[in-house]
Amino acid sequence: MPSKVKVMSLSLPREMAEEIERRAKKEGKMKSEFLREAVRQYLEREKWKELQREFSLRAGKLGANTEEDIEKIIDEIRK
């Protein structure tokens, strides 16, 4: 059975690596755990940004340019 973990290596500027080490230690986490969480948060933020962009495009096609326009469309759908 393949492992659920893939080991990766990366190069970081020395100062960044030292800051990661300090913060991970301060939070009582292993560096891997600290970096996994940082990457997870970054990926979630990027996914959210993509969803927002997609929604903006779709809303624009519906003529919804403000929150008020969106509320009107939602109200119409609910009727």
C-alpha atoms as a PDB file:
ATOM      1  CA  MET A   1       0.000   0.000   0.000  1.00  0.00           C
ATOM      2  CA  PRO A   2       1.441   3.402  -0.951  1.00  0.00           C
ATOM      3  CA  SER A   3       2.296   5.782   1.863  1.00  0.00           C
ATOM      4  CA  LYS A   4      -0.086   8.683   2.521  1.00  0.00           C
ATOM      5  CA  VAL A   5       2.915  10.917   3.093  1.00  0.00           C
ATOM      6  CA  LYS A   6       5.259  12.247   0.437  1.00  0.00           C
ATOM      7  CA  VAL A   7       8.573  13.595   1.628  1.00  0.00           C
ATOM      8  CA  MET A   8       9.616  16.839  -0.033  1.00  0.00           C
ATOM      9  CA  SER A   9      12.626  19.043   0.406  1.00  0.00           C
ATOM     10  CA  LEU A  10      12.924  22.749  -0.223  1.00  0.00           C
ATOM     11  CA  SER A  11      15.469  25.505  -0.019  1.00  0.00           C
ATOM     12  CA  LEU A  12      14.761  28.566   2.084  1.00  0.00           C
ATOM     13  CA  PRO A  13      16.706  31.705   2.824  1.00  0.00           C
ATOM     14  CA  ARG A  14      18.602  31.216   6.099  1.00  0.00           C
ATOM     15  CA  GLU A  15      16.644  33.959   7.902  1.00  0.00           C
ATOM     16  CA  MET A  16      13.319  32.428   6.901  1.00  0.00           C
ATOM     17  CA  ALA A  17      14.426  28.969   8.035  1.00  0.00           C
ATOM     18  CA  GLU A  18      15.566  30.375  11.374  1.00  0.00           C
ATOM     19  CA  GLU A  19      12.248  32.200  11.840  1.00  0.00           C
ATOM     20  CA  ILE A  20      10.364  28.965  11.120  1.00  0.00           C
ATOM     21  CA  GLU A  21      12.487  27.130  13.656  1.00  0.00           C
ATOM     22  CA  ARG A  22      11.866  29.831  16.306  1.00  0.00           C
ATOM     23  CA  ARG A  23       8.123  29.962  15.730  1.00  0.00           C
ATOM     24  CA  ALA A  24       7.710  26.193  15.608  1.00  0.00           C
ATOM     25  CA  LYS A  25       9.622  25.872  18.880  1.00  0.00           C
ATOM     26  CA  LYS A  26       7.564  28.663  20.476  1.00  0.00           C
ATOM     27  CA  GLU A  27       4.354  26.866  19.474  1.00  0.00           C
ATOM     28  CA  GLY A  28       5.698  23.491  20.582  1.00  0.00           C
ATOM     29  CA  LYS A  29       5.446  22.013  17.092  1.00  0.00           C
ATOM     30  CA  MET A  30       7.809  20.074  14.907  1.00  0.00           C
ATOM     31  CA  LYS A  31       9.019  22.051  11.884  1.00  0.00           C
ATOM     32  CA  SER A  32       7.163  19.668   9.557  1.00  0.00           C
ATOM     33  CA  GLU A  33       3.899  20.175  11.439  1.00  0.00           C
ATOM     34  CA  PHE A  34       4.409  23.951  11.462  1.00  0.00           C
ATOM     35  CA  LEU A  35       5.093  24.047   7.711  1.00  0.00           C
ATOM     36  CA  ARG A  36       2.203  21.670   6.887  1.00  0.00           C
ATOM     37  CA  GLU A  37      -0.172  24.029   8.674  1.00  0.00           C
ATOM     38  CA  ALA A  38       1.286  27.081   6.917  1.00  0.00           C
ATOM     39  CA  VAL A  39       0.937  25.425   3.502  1.00  0.00           C
ATOM     40  CA  ARG A  40      -2.579  24.184   4.348  1.00  0.00           C
ATOM     41  CA  GLN A  41      -3.646  27.732   5.267  1.00  0.00           C
ATOM     42  CA  TYR A  42      -2.083  29.140   2.104  1.00  0.00           C
ATOM     43  CA  LEU A  43      -3.844  26.570  -0.095  1.00  0.00           C
ATOM     44  CA  GLU A  44      -7.183  27.245   1.607  1.00  0.00           C
ATOM     45  CA  ARG A  45      -6.769  31.018   1.077  1.00  0.00           C
ATOM     46  CA  GLU A  46      -5.921  30.494  -2.600  1.00  0.00           C
ATOM     47  CA  LYS A  47      -8.903  28.178  -3.067  1.00  0.00           C
ATOM     48  CA  TRP A  48     -11.155  30.809  -1.464  1.00  0.00           C
ATOM     49  CA  LYS A  49      -9.726  33.507  -3.771  1.00  0.00           C
ATOM     50  CA  GLU A  50     -10.434  31.291  -6.790  1.00  0.00           C
ATOM     51  CA  LEU A  51     -14.014  30.769  -5.620  1.00  0.00           C
ATOM     52  CA  GLN A  52     -14.442  34.516  -5.124  1.00  0.00           C
ATOM     53  CA  ARG A  53     -13.122  35.237  -8.627  1.00  0.00           C
ATOM     54  CA  GLU A  54     -15.421  32.601 -10.134  1.00  0.00           C
ATOM     55  CA  PHE A  55     -18.390  33.961  -8.215  1.00  0.00           C
ATOM     56  CA  SER A  56     -17.588  37.521  -9.323  1.00  0.00           C
ATOM     57  CA  LEU A  57     -17.518  36.419 -12.958  1.00  0.00           C
ATOM     58  CA  ARG A  58     -20.822  34.571 -12.618  1.00  0.00           C
ATOM     59  CA  ALA A  59     -22.417  37.416 -10.688  1.00  0.00           C
ATOM     60  CA  GLY A  60     -21.303  39.861 -13.374  1.00  0.00           C
ATOM     61  CA  LYS A  61     -22.977  37.732 -16.044  1.00  0.00           C
ATOM     62  CA  LEU A  62     -26.195  37.934 -14.018  1.00  0.00           C
ATOM     63  CA  GLY A  63     -25.869  41.698 -13.714  1.00  0.00           C
ATOM     64  CA  ALA A  64     -25.066  41.527 -10.006  1.00  0.00           C
ATOM     65  CA  ASN A  65     -22.436  44.110  -9.234  1.00  0.00           C
ATOM     66  CA  THR A  66     -23.244  44.877  -5.598  1.00  0.00           C
ATOM     67  CA  GLU A  67     -24.294  42.886  -2.556  1.00  0.00           C
ATOM     68  CA  GLU A  68     -27.745  44.416  -2.929  1.00  0.00           C
ATOM     69  CA  ASP A  69     -27.985  43.009  -6.479  1.00  0.00           C
ATOM     70  CA  ILE A  70     -26.994  39.588  -5.186  1.00  0.00           C
ATOM     71  CA  GLU A  71     -29.598  39.736  -2.421  1.00  0.00           C
ATOM     72  CA  LYS A  72     -32.271  40.571  -5.017  1.00  0.00           C
ATOM     73  CA  ILE A  73     -31.261  37.579  -7.145  1.00  0.00           C
ATOM     74  CA  ILE A  74     -31.320  35.298  -4.093  1.00  0.00           C
ATOM     75  CA  ASP A  75     -34.749  36.619  -3.110  1.00  0.00           C
ATOM     76  CA  GLU A  76     -36.057  35.939  -6.635  1.00  0.00           C
ATOM     77  CA  ILE A  77     -34.709  32.383  -6.573  1.00  0.00           C
ATOM     78  CA  ARG A  78     -36.327  31.714  -3.188  1.00  0.00           C
ATOM     79  CA  LYS A  79     -39.810  32.812  -4.380  1.00  0.00           C
END
